[in-house]
Amino acid sequence: PKLEGICYYRTLDDYLWVKERISAGKSAVIIGGGFIGPEMAAALTENGMNVSMVFPDEYLCRNILPDYLARPLENKYRDRGVSIHCFDRPEGFAAKDDMVITRTERGKEIESNMVLICIGIVPEVSLAKSAGLHVADGIVVDEHLQTSHVDIFAAGDAVFFPNNAIGRMTRFDHWDNAIHQGRTAGRNMAGAKEPYLHISYFSSQLFDFYYEAIGEIDPSLNTYADWQRDKTGVVYFLRDITIRGVLLCNMRGRINAAREMLDKRIAPENLHAAIR
C-alpha cells in the first residue's frame, strides 16, 4: 500500500499535492538526480525546506551536463544545505508518526515529512494499444506523425517519433515539442503531408544556474565551452567537428541561434563568439 507522504511526481495533481505541503523548516527526500529531481530540490530549498537527494549516478545531472559543469553545480547544492546521497538507491519506505523513513541500499535511514519520486514518466499508451496501434517506447509514428493506422495521427509526450536532431526514434517530454507536433499533426490530418522537422529544446532553472539545451545533448560526446564570464556561455556537443547539440548557460533568448548551429561543421577553435 502507498504510504502517506510519498508522491510519484508526474502530473498536475502531484504538483498541487506538493505545493500544499511546502513549509519552511519541513523536510523532503528527492529520489532522482537527472532532470526533475534537481529542479524540485532547488525549488524546495529556496522555499526554506530541508532537502536530501538520493540517486544512483556519480553526480547530479550526469546524463545532461558535462562533468565540469555538473560537479560544481552539485557543490552549489551542498553549499545551499542539500544533503546529497549519490551512488545510492531507495530500498524501502516506512511510516513513523507523521514522517516517512527512507531506507537506502547503502544503509542510510533518512527521515522526512515527504518523499518525492522524480524518476521520469512512462507514456500512457493503453488507448493506443486497444486501438491496435503499433507501440514501442510510446505511440509509434512516422515523419508525418501518422500512426500505424492511416487515419490516426498522434503528437506530444507519448509519441515515439523520428527525431531529426539526433537521427533516431525517440520521445521528447516537453511542451515545445508537444505544441509544434500538435500543429503539424493537425495540418497533416487536413492533408498537408508535412514532415515534422522542428527541433525542440528543453530548459531548467537550478538555483541561479539556468540552461537551455537543443539537439543531441550527450556528455559522452566531445564538448567545447565558449565562456563569456563565469558559468555564462555556450557548450557545444561535437561528433568530430559536427555540432550535434548546444547548451546555453545563463543565456536567454538565444535558442534560435543555437538551433541554426546544429549539424554545421566548424572546428572548435572557430566557435568562439559564434553565439552572443
C-alpha atoms as a PDB file:
ATOM      1  CA  PRO A   1       0.000   0.000   0.000  1.00  0.00           C
ATOM      2  CA  LYS A   2       1.107   3.561  -0.706  1.00  0.00           C
ATOM      3  CA  LEU A   3       2.355   5.407   2.368  1.00  0.00           C
ATOM      4  CA  GLU A   4       1.050   8.855   3.194  1.00  0.00           C
ATOM      5  CA  GLY A   5       3.751  11.407   2.393  1.00  0.00           C
ATOM      6  CA  ILE A   6       5.126   9.720  -0.745  1.00  0.00           C
ATOM      7  CA  CYS A   7       4.440  11.255  -4.150  1.00  0.00           C
ATOM      8  CA  TYR A   8       5.353   9.819  -7.547  1.00  0.00           C
ATOM      9  CA  TYR A   9       5.813  13.203  -9.203  1.00  0.00           C
ATOM     10  CA  ARG A  10       4.267  13.137 -12.696  1.00  0.00           C
ATOM     11  CA  THR A  11       1.015  15.122 -13.004  1.00  0.00           C
ATOM     12  CA  LEU A  12      -0.596  18.477 -12.247  1.00  0.00           C
ATOM     13  CA  ASP A  13      -2.306  16.908  -9.234  1.00  0.00           C
ATOM     14  CA  ASP A  14       1.117  15.867  -7.953  1.00  0.00           C
ATOM     15  CA  TYR A  15       2.330  19.462  -8.274  1.00  0.00           C
ATOM     16  CA  LEU A  16      -0.677  20.699  -6.314  1.00  0.00           C
ATOM     17  CA  TRP A  17      -0.071  17.999  -3.672  1.00  0.00           C
ATOM     18  CA  VAL A  18       3.496  19.233  -3.207  1.00  0.00           C
ATOM     19  CA  LYS A  19       2.526  22.911  -3.244  1.00  0.00           C
ATOM     20  CA  GLU A  20       0.066  22.380  -0.388  1.00  0.00           C
ATOM     21  CA  ARG A  21       2.794  20.789   1.740  1.00  0.00           C
ATOM     22  CA  ILE A  22       5.649  23.236   1.211  1.00  0.00           C
ATOM     23  CA  SER A  23       6.560  24.828   4.519  1.00  0.00           C
ATOM     24  CA  ALA A  24       9.799  26.340   5.753  1.00  0.00           C
ATOM     25  CA  GLY A  25      11.564  24.074   8.199  1.00  0.00           C
ATOM     26  CA  LYS A  26       9.940  20.889   6.949  1.00  0.00           C
ATOM     27  CA  SER A  27      11.930  18.229   5.132  1.00  0.00           C
ATOM     28  CA  ALA A  28      11.805  16.317   1.863  1.00  0.00           C
ATOM     29  CA  VAL A  29      13.676  13.446   0.265  1.00  0.00           C
ATOM     30  CA  ILE A  30      14.026  13.628  -3.513  1.00  0.00           C
ATOM     31  CA  ILE A  31      14.590  10.347  -5.353  1.00  0.00           C
ATOM     32  CA  GLY A  32      16.310  11.060  -8.672  1.00  0.00           C
ATOM     33  CA  GLY A  33      19.179  13.255  -9.816  1.00  0.00           C
ATOM     34  CA  GLY A  34      18.513  13.644 -13.528  1.00  0.00           C
ATOM     35  CA  PHE A  35      16.135  16.383 -14.701  1.00  0.00           C
ATOM     36  CA  ILE A  36      13.090  16.806 -12.458  1.00  0.00           C
ATOM     37  CA  GLY A  37      14.852  15.834  -9.219  1.00  0.00           C
ATOM     38  CA  PRO A  38      17.394  18.696  -9.214  1.00  0.00           C
ATOM     39  CA  GLU A  39      14.677  21.192 -10.200  1.00  0.00           C
ATOM     40  CA  MET A  40      12.484  20.056  -7.329  1.00  0.00           C
ATOM     41  CA  ALA A  41      15.364  20.064  -4.837  1.00  0.00           C
ATOM     42  CA  ALA A  42      16.336  23.623  -5.764  1.00  0.00           C
ATOM     43  CA  ALA A  43      12.741  24.879  -5.593  1.00  0.00           C
ATOM     44  CA  LEU A  44      12.053  23.310  -2.189  1.00  0.00           C
ATOM     45  CA  THR A  45      15.366  24.556  -0.786  1.00  0.00           C
ATOM     46  CA  GLU A  46      14.585  28.089  -1.920  1.00  0.00           C
ATOM     47  CA  ASN A  47      11.277  27.763  -0.060  1.00  0.00           C
ATOM     48  CA  GLY A  48      13.082  27.019   3.184  1.00  0.00           C
ATOM     49  CA  MET A  49      12.777  23.229   3.269  1.00  0.00           C
ATOM     50  CA  ASN A  50      15.496  20.792   4.309  1.00  0.00           C
ATOM     51  CA  VAL A  51      16.206  18.584   1.307  1.00  0.00           C
ATOM     52  CA  SER A  52      18.024  15.287   0.814  1.00  0.00           C
ATOM     53  CA  MET A  53      18.621  13.694  -2.584  1.00  0.00           C
ATOM     54  CA  VAL A  54      19.147  10.006  -3.353  1.00  0.00           C
ATOM     55  CA  PHE A  55      20.235   8.883  -6.823  1.00  0.00           C
ATOM     56  CA  PRO A  56      22.414   6.139  -8.352  1.00  0.00           C
ATOM     57  CA  ASP A  57      24.681   8.267 -10.528  1.00  0.00           C
ATOM     58  CA  GLU A  58      28.106   9.625  -9.667  1.00  0.00           C
ATOM     59  CA  TYR A  59      26.872  13.230  -9.618  1.00  0.00           C
ATOM     60  CA  LEU A  60      23.842  15.390 -10.403  1.00  0.00           C
ATOM     61  CA  CYS A  61      22.596  15.789 -13.983  1.00  0.00           C
ATOM     62  CA  ARG A  62      25.126  13.242 -15.225  1.00  0.00           C
ATOM     63  CA  ASN A  63      23.172  12.461 -18.407  1.00  0.00           C
ATOM     64  CA  ILE A  64      22.732  16.123 -19.332  1.00  0.00           C
ATOM     65  CA  LEU A  65      25.689  18.238 -18.204  1.00  0.00           C
ATOM     66  CA  PRO A  66      29.423  17.685 -18.776  1.00  0.00           C
ATOM     67  CA  ASP A  67      31.198  16.866 -15.537  1.00  0.00           C
ATOM     68  CA  TYR A  68      32.957  20.247 -15.460  1.00  0.00           C
ATOM     69  CA  LEU A  69      29.507  21.838 -15.126  1.00  0.00           C
ATOM     70  CA  ALA A  70      27.712  19.148 -13.133  1.00  0.00           C
ATOM     71  CA  ARG A  71      30.240  18.759 -10.331  1.00  0.00           C
ATOM     72  CA  PRO A  72      30.427  22.493  -9.428  1.00  0.00           C
ATOM     73  CA  LEU A  73      26.628  22.573  -9.645  1.00  0.00           C
ATOM     74  CA  GLU A  74      26.399  19.721  -7.156  1.00  0.00           C
ATOM     75  CA  ASN A  75      28.765  21.601  -4.858  1.00  0.00           C
ATOM     76  CA  LYS A  76      26.383  24.554  -5.023  1.00  0.00           C
ATOM     77  CA  TYR A  77      23.572  22.263  -3.863  1.00  0.00           C
ATOM     78  CA  ARG A  78      25.709  21.125  -0.935  1.00  0.00           C
ATOM     79  CA  ASP A  79      26.546  24.755  -0.098  1.00  0.00           C
ATOM     80  CA  ARG A  80      22.814  25.505  -0.020  1.00  0.00           C
ATOM     81  CA  GLY A  81      22.307  22.756   2.536  1.00  0.00           C
ATOM     82  CA  VAL A  82      21.086  19.924   0.296  1.00  0.00           C
ATOM     83  CA  SER A  83      22.237  16.516   1.537  1.00  0.00           C
ATOM     84  CA  ILE A  84      23.496  14.518  -1.465  1.00  0.00           C
ATOM     85  CA  HIS A  85      23.459  10.701  -1.410  1.00  0.00           C
ATOM     86  CA  CYS A  86      24.941   9.599  -4.744  1.00  0.00           C
ATOM     87  CA  PHE A  87      25.714   6.010  -5.777  1.00  0.00           C
ATOM     88  CA  ASP A  88      22.624   5.007  -3.794  1.00  0.00           C
ATOM     89  CA  ARG A  89      19.010   3.925  -4.287  1.00  0.00           C
ATOM     90  CA  PRO A  90      15.955   3.647  -2.037  1.00  0.00           C
ATOM     91  CA  GLU A  91      15.439   0.145  -0.707  1.00  0.00           C
ATOM     92  CA  GLY A  92      12.205   0.756   1.152  1.00  0.00           C
ATOM     93  CA  PHE A  93       9.999   3.234   2.977  1.00  0.00           C
ATOM     94  CA  ALA A  94       8.314   3.121   6.367  1.00  0.00           C
ATOM     95  CA  ALA A  95       5.965   5.365   8.326  1.00  0.00           C
ATOM     96  CA  LYS A  96       6.999   6.830  11.668  1.00  0.00           C
ATOM     97  CA  ASP A  97       4.331   9.020  13.266  1.00  0.00           C
ATOM     98  CA  ASP A  98       3.700  11.684  10.586  1.00  0.00           C
ATOM     99  CA  MET A  99       7.123  11.182   8.981  1.00  0.00           C
ATOM    100  CA  VAL A 100       8.473   8.878   6.281  1.00  0.00           C
ATOM    101  CA  ILE A 101      11.679   6.890   6.724  1.00  0.00           C
ATOM    102  CA  THR A 102      13.635   6.276   3.509  1.00  0.00           C
ATOM    103  CA  ARG A 103      15.975   3.284   3.773  1.00  0.00           C
ATOM    104  CA  THR A 104      18.705   3.087   1.120  1.00  0.00           C
ATOM    105  CA  GLU A 105      20.768   0.246  -0.299  1.00  0.00           C
ATOM    106  CA  ARG A 106      23.868   1.680   1.380  1.00  0.00           C
ATOM    107  CA  GLY A 107      22.266   1.521   4.793  1.00  0.00           C
ATOM    108  CA  LYS A 108      21.138   5.131   5.245  1.00  0.00           C
ATOM    109  CA  GLU A 109      17.875   5.968   7.036  1.00  0.00           C
ATOM    110  CA  ILE A 110      16.563   9.426   6.180  1.00  0.00           C
ATOM    111  CA  GLU A 111      13.555  10.860   7.997  1.00  0.00           C
ATOM    112  CA  SER A 112      11.409  13.455   6.209  1.00  0.00           C
ATOM    113  CA  ASN A 113       7.927  14.947   6.008  1.00  0.00           C
ATOM    114  CA  MET A 114       7.594  13.928   2.365  1.00  0.00           C
ATOM    115  CA  VAL A 115       9.299  11.805  -0.298  1.00  0.00           C
ATOM    116  CA  LEU A 116       9.133  12.801  -3.953  1.00  0.00           C
ATOM    117  CA  ILE A 117       9.897  10.165  -6.580  1.00  0.00           C
ATOM    118  CA  CYS A 118      11.274  12.149  -9.532  1.00  0.00           C
ATOM    119  CA  ILE A 119      12.492   9.445 -11.913  1.00  0.00           C
ATOM    120  CA  GLY A 120      10.712  10.268 -15.174  1.00  0.00           C
ATOM    121  CA  ILE A 121       7.473   9.123 -16.748  1.00  0.00           C
ATOM    122  CA  VAL A 122       6.111   6.143 -18.614  1.00  0.00           C
ATOM    123  CA  PRO A 123       3.944   7.044 -21.634  1.00  0.00           C
ATOM    124  CA  GLU A 124       0.237   6.273 -21.354  1.00  0.00           C
ATOM    125  CA  VAL A 125      -0.418   4.048 -24.369  1.00  0.00           C
ATOM    126  CA  SER A 126      -3.324   1.862 -23.232  1.00  0.00           C
ATOM    127  CA  LEU A 127      -5.812   3.574 -25.565  1.00  0.00           C
ATOM    128  CA  ALA A 128      -3.401   3.226 -28.493  1.00  0.00           C
ATOM    129  CA  LYS A 129      -2.885  -0.473 -27.715  1.00  0.00           C
ATOM    130  CA  SER A 130      -6.607  -1.103 -27.512  1.00  0.00           C
ATOM    131  CA  ALA A 131      -6.968   0.544 -30.917  1.00  0.00           C
ATOM    132  CA  GLY A 132      -4.372  -1.849 -32.361  1.00  0.00           C
ATOM    133  CA  LEU A 133      -1.725   0.807 -32.962  1.00  0.00           C
ATOM    134  CA  HIS A 134       1.983  -0.003 -33.084  1.00  0.00           C
ATOM    135  CA  VAL A 135       3.508   0.857 -29.695  1.00  0.00           C
ATOM    136  CA  ALA A 136       7.147   0.799 -28.572  1.00  0.00           C
ATOM    137  CA  ASP A 137       8.548   3.435 -26.189  1.00  0.00           C
ATOM    138  CA  GLY A 138       5.384   5.387 -26.873  1.00  0.00           C
ATOM    139  CA  ILE A 139       2.945   5.557 -29.783  1.00  0.00           C
ATOM    140  CA  VAL A 140       4.985   4.918 -32.917  1.00  0.00           C
ATOM    141  CA  VAL A 141       4.551   7.479 -35.703  1.00  0.00           C
ATOM    142  CA  ASP A 142       6.311   8.250 -38.975  1.00  0.00           C
ATOM    143  CA  GLU A 143       7.823  11.552 -40.091  1.00  0.00           C
ATOM    144  CA  HIS A 144       4.288  12.874 -40.744  1.00  0.00           C
ATOM    145  CA  LEU A 145       3.161  11.897 -37.203  1.00  0.00           C
ATOM    146  CA  GLN A 146       0.922   9.232 -38.711  1.00  0.00           C
ATOM    147  CA  THR A 147       0.460   6.086 -36.620  1.00  0.00           C
ATOM    148  CA  SER A 148       0.278   2.539 -37.939  1.00  0.00           C
ATOM    149  CA  HIS A 149      -3.376   3.277 -38.758  1.00  0.00           C
ATOM    150  CA  VAL A 150      -3.653   5.532 -41.795  1.00  0.00           C
ATOM    151  CA  ASP A 151      -6.443   7.645 -40.268  1.00  0.00           C
ATOM    152  CA  ILE A 152      -4.877   8.207 -36.833  1.00  0.00           C
ATOM    153  CA  PHE A 153      -2.182  10.785 -36.031  1.00  0.00           C
ATOM    154  CA  ALA A 154      -0.514  11.383 -32.682  1.00  0.00           C
ATOM    155  CA  ALA A 155       1.525  14.150 -31.022  1.00  0.00           C
ATOM    156  CA  GLY A 156       3.015  15.036 -27.651  1.00  0.00           C
ATOM    157  CA  ASP A 157       4.864  13.385 -24.781  1.00  0.00           C
ATOM    158  CA  ALA A 158       3.564   9.867 -25.512  1.00  0.00           C
ATOM    159  CA  VAL A 159       4.741   9.814 -29.139  1.00  0.00           C
ATOM    160  CA  PHE A 160       7.758   7.796 -30.363  1.00  0.00           C
ATOM    161  CA  PHE A 161       8.873   9.652 -33.483  1.00  0.00           C
ATOM    162  CA  PRO A 162      11.838  10.037 -35.873  1.00  0.00           C
ATOM    163  CA  ASN A 163      13.871  12.800 -34.229  1.00  0.00           C
ATOM    164  CA  ASN A 164      15.704  14.679 -36.950  1.00  0.00           C
ATOM    165  CA  ALA A 165      18.045  16.336 -34.443  1.00  0.00           C
ATOM    166  CA  ILE A 166      19.598  13.115 -33.132  1.00  0.00           C
ATOM    167  CA  GLY A 167      18.972  10.763 -36.059  1.00  0.00           C
ATOM    168  CA  ARG A 168      16.892   8.114 -34.283  1.00  0.00           C
ATOM    169  CA  MET A 169      13.453   7.354 -32.884  1.00  0.00           C
ATOM    170  CA  THR A 170      12.753   8.962 -29.518  1.00  0.00           C
ATOM    171  CA  ARG A 171      10.228  10.531 -27.192  1.00  0.00           C
ATOM    172  CA  PHE A 172      10.553  14.177 -26.163  1.00  0.00           C
ATOM    173  CA  ASP A 173       8.784  15.162 -22.951  1.00  0.00           C
ATOM    174  CA  HIS A 174       8.472  18.927 -23.273  1.00  0.00           C
ATOM    175  CA  TRP A 175       5.780  21.478 -24.084  1.00  0.00           C
ATOM    176  CA  ASP A 176       7.758  22.948 -27.001  1.00  0.00           C
ATOM    177  CA  ASN A 177       7.708  19.615 -28.802  1.00  0.00           C
ATOM    178  CA  ALA A 178       4.035  18.972 -27.941  1.00  0.00           C
ATOM    179  CA  ILE A 179       2.919  22.344 -29.326  1.00  0.00           C
ATOM    180  CA  HIS A 180       4.786  22.024 -32.614  1.00  0.00           C
ATOM    181  CA  GLN A 181       3.885  18.366 -33.098  1.00  0.00           C
ATOM    182  CA  GLY A 182       0.237  19.147 -32.464  1.00  0.00           C
ATOM    183  CA  ARG A 183       0.250  21.819 -35.140  1.00  0.00           C
ATOM    184  CA  THR A 184       1.956  19.559 -37.664  1.00  0.00           C
ATOM    185  CA  ALA A 185      -0.347  16.631 -36.900  1.00  0.00           C
ATOM    186  CA  GLY A 186      -3.377  18.870 -37.320  1.00  0.00           C
ATOM    187  CA  ARG A 187      -2.209  20.143 -40.693  1.00  0.00           C
ATOM    188  CA  ASN A 188      -1.423  16.611 -41.834  1.00  0.00           C
ATOM    189  CA  MET A 189      -4.840  15.360 -40.791  1.00  0.00           C
ATOM    190  CA  ALA A 190      -6.149  18.030 -43.162  1.00  0.00           C
ATOM    191  CA  GLY A 191      -3.970  16.657 -45.968  1.00  0.00           C
ATOM    192  CA  ALA A 192      -0.794  18.771 -45.753  1.00  0.00           C
ATOM    193  CA  LYS A 193       1.661  15.806 -45.722  1.00  0.00           C
ATOM    194  CA  GLU A 194       4.344  17.875 -43.965  1.00  0.00           C
ATOM    195  CA  PRO A 195       7.278  16.087 -42.305  1.00  0.00           C
ATOM    196  CA  TYR A 196       7.845  17.048 -38.677  1.00  0.00           C
ATOM    197  CA  LEU A 197      11.216  18.795 -38.751  1.00  0.00           C
ATOM    198  CA  HIS A 198      11.018  21.146 -35.786  1.00  0.00           C
ATOM    199  CA  ILE A 199      13.945  20.717 -33.378  1.00  0.00           C
ATOM    200  CA  SER A 200      12.654  21.215 -29.861  1.00  0.00           C
ATOM    201  CA  TYR A 201      14.594  22.401 -26.854  1.00  0.00           C
ATOM    202  CA  PHE A 202      14.311  21.947 -23.102  1.00  0.00           C
ATOM    203  CA  SER A 203      15.358  24.157 -20.216  1.00  0.00           C
ATOM    204  CA  SER A 204      15.851  24.133 -16.471  1.00  0.00           C
ATOM    205  CA  GLN A 205      16.407  26.561 -13.589  1.00  0.00           C
ATOM    206  CA  LEU A 206      18.668  25.204 -10.836  1.00  0.00           C
ATOM    207  CA  PHE A 207      19.174  27.918  -8.221  1.00  0.00           C
ATOM    208  CA  ASP A 208      20.985  30.684 -10.140  1.00  0.00           C
ATOM    209  CA  PHE A 209      22.047  28.389 -12.989  1.00  0.00           C
ATOM    210  CA  TYR A 210      19.687  28.416 -15.978  1.00  0.00           C
ATOM    211  CA  TYR A 211      20.204  26.424 -19.133  1.00  0.00           C
ATOM    212  CA  GLU A 212      18.506  25.796 -22.444  1.00  0.00           C
ATOM    213  CA  ALA A 213      19.513  22.749 -24.481  1.00  0.00           C
ATOM    214  CA  ILE A 214      18.827  21.702 -28.049  1.00  0.00           C
ATOM    215  CA  GLY A 215      19.908  18.831 -30.266  1.00  0.00           C
ATOM    216  CA  GLU A 216      21.886  15.811 -29.098  1.00  0.00           C
ATOM    217  CA  ILE A 217      22.795  16.598 -25.502  1.00  0.00           C
ATOM    218  CA  ASP A 218      25.122  13.760 -24.572  1.00  0.00           C
ATOM    219  CA  PRO A 219      28.024  14.309 -22.132  1.00  0.00           C
ATOM    220  CA  SER A 220      29.866  11.358 -23.688  1.00  0.00           C
ATOM    221  CA  LEU A 221      30.419  13.471 -26.820  1.00  0.00           C
ATOM    222  CA  ASN A 222      33.337  15.842 -27.166  1.00  0.00           C
ATOM    223  CA  THR A 223      32.471  19.314 -25.924  1.00  0.00           C
ATOM    224  CA  TYR A 224      33.760  22.811 -26.480  1.00  0.00           C
ATOM    225  CA  ALA A 225      32.884  25.528 -23.962  1.00  0.00           C
ATOM    226  CA  ASP A 226      32.817  29.160 -25.042  1.00  0.00           C
ATOM    227  CA  TRP A 227      32.519  31.209 -21.845  1.00  0.00           C
ATOM    228  CA  GLN A 228      31.689  34.909 -21.753  1.00  0.00           C
ATOM    229  CA  ARG A 229      32.147  35.012 -17.989  1.00  0.00           C
ATOM    230  CA  ASP A 230      31.866  32.566 -15.114  1.00  0.00           C
ATOM    231  CA  LYS A 231      29.156  29.981 -15.971  1.00  0.00           C
ATOM    232  CA  THR A 232      27.676  32.190 -18.701  1.00  0.00           C
ATOM    233  CA  GLY A 233      28.283  30.955 -22.201  1.00  0.00           C
ATOM    234  CA  VAL A 234      27.761  28.124 -24.665  1.00  0.00           C
ATOM    235  CA  VAL A 235      28.721  24.452 -24.578  1.00  0.00           C
ATOM    236  CA  TYR A 236      28.824  22.676 -27.947  1.00  0.00           C
ATOM    237  CA  PHE A 237      28.449  18.887 -28.199  1.00  0.00           C
ATOM    238  CA  LEU A 238      30.522  17.615 -31.128  1.00  0.00           C
ATOM    239  CA  ARG A 239      30.941  14.480 -33.233  1.00  0.00           C
ATOM    240  CA  ASP A 240      34.238  15.087 -34.967  1.00  0.00           C
ATOM    241  CA  ILE A 241      33.698  18.748 -35.903  1.00  0.00           C
ATOM    242  CA  THR A 242      29.957  18.450 -36.480  1.00  0.00           C
ATOM    243  CA  ILE A 243      27.817  20.318 -33.943  1.00  0.00           C
ATOM    244  CA  ARG A 244      25.234  17.857 -32.628  1.00  0.00           C
ATOM    245  CA  GLY A 245      23.927  19.773 -29.607  1.00  0.00           C
ATOM    246  CA  VAL A 246      24.097  23.188 -27.983  1.00  0.00           C
ATOM    247  CA  LEU A 247      23.760  24.048 -24.288  1.00  0.00           C
ATOM    248  CA  LEU A 248      23.127  27.705 -23.443  1.00  0.00           C
ATOM    249  CA  CYS A 249      24.216  28.502 -19.896  1.00  0.00           C
ATOM    250  CA  ASN A 250      22.587  31.553 -18.297  1.00  0.00           C
ATOM    251  CA  MET A 251      21.885  32.924 -21.784  1.00  0.00           C
ATOM    252  CA  ARG A 252      18.236  33.592 -22.551  1.00  0.00           C
ATOM    253  CA  GLY A 253      16.755  34.396 -25.936  1.00  0.00           C
ATOM    254  CA  ARG A 254      19.429  32.613 -27.994  1.00  0.00           C
ATOM    255  CA  ILE A 255      17.708  29.304 -28.726  1.00  0.00           C
ATOM    256  CA  ASN A 256      17.032  30.114 -32.386  1.00  0.00           C
ATOM    257  CA  ALA A 257      20.702  30.978 -32.887  1.00  0.00           C
ATOM    258  CA  ALA A 258      21.613  27.659 -31.231  1.00  0.00           C
ATOM    259  CA  ARG A 259      19.171  25.777 -33.479  1.00  0.00           C
ATOM    260  CA  GLU A 260      20.854  27.273 -36.561  1.00  0.00           C
ATOM    261  CA  MET A 261      24.235  25.911 -35.413  1.00  0.00           C
ATOM    262  CA  LEU A 262      23.149  22.263 -35.410  1.00  0.00           C
ATOM    263  CA  ASP A 263      24.858  19.992 -37.955  1.00  0.00           C
ATOM    264  CA  LYS A 264      27.317  22.678 -39.014  1.00  0.00           C
ATOM    265  CA  ARG A 265      30.909  21.511 -39.376  1.00  0.00           C
ATOM    266  CA  ILE A 266      33.061  24.017 -37.519  1.00  0.00           C
ATOM    267  CA  ALA A 267      36.432  23.451 -35.891  1.00  0.00           C
ATOM    268  CA  PRO A 268      36.202  24.167 -32.132  1.00  0.00           C
ATOM    269  CA  GLU A 269      38.738  26.991 -32.327  1.00  0.00           C
ATOM    270  CA  ASN A 270      36.355  28.805 -34.690  1.00  0.00           C
ATOM    271  CA  LEU A 271      33.362  28.580 -32.364  1.00  0.00           C
ATOM    272  CA  HIS A 272      34.445  31.457 -30.124  1.00  0.00           C
ATOM    273  CA  ALA A 273      31.732  34.138 -30.049  1.00  0.00           C
ATOM    274  CA  ALA A 274      29.607  32.226 -32.590  1.00  0.00           C
ATOM    275  CA  ILE A 275      26.597  32.853 -30.324  1.00  0.00           C
ATOM    276  CA  ARG A 276      26.389  36.080 -28.360  1.00  0.00           C
END
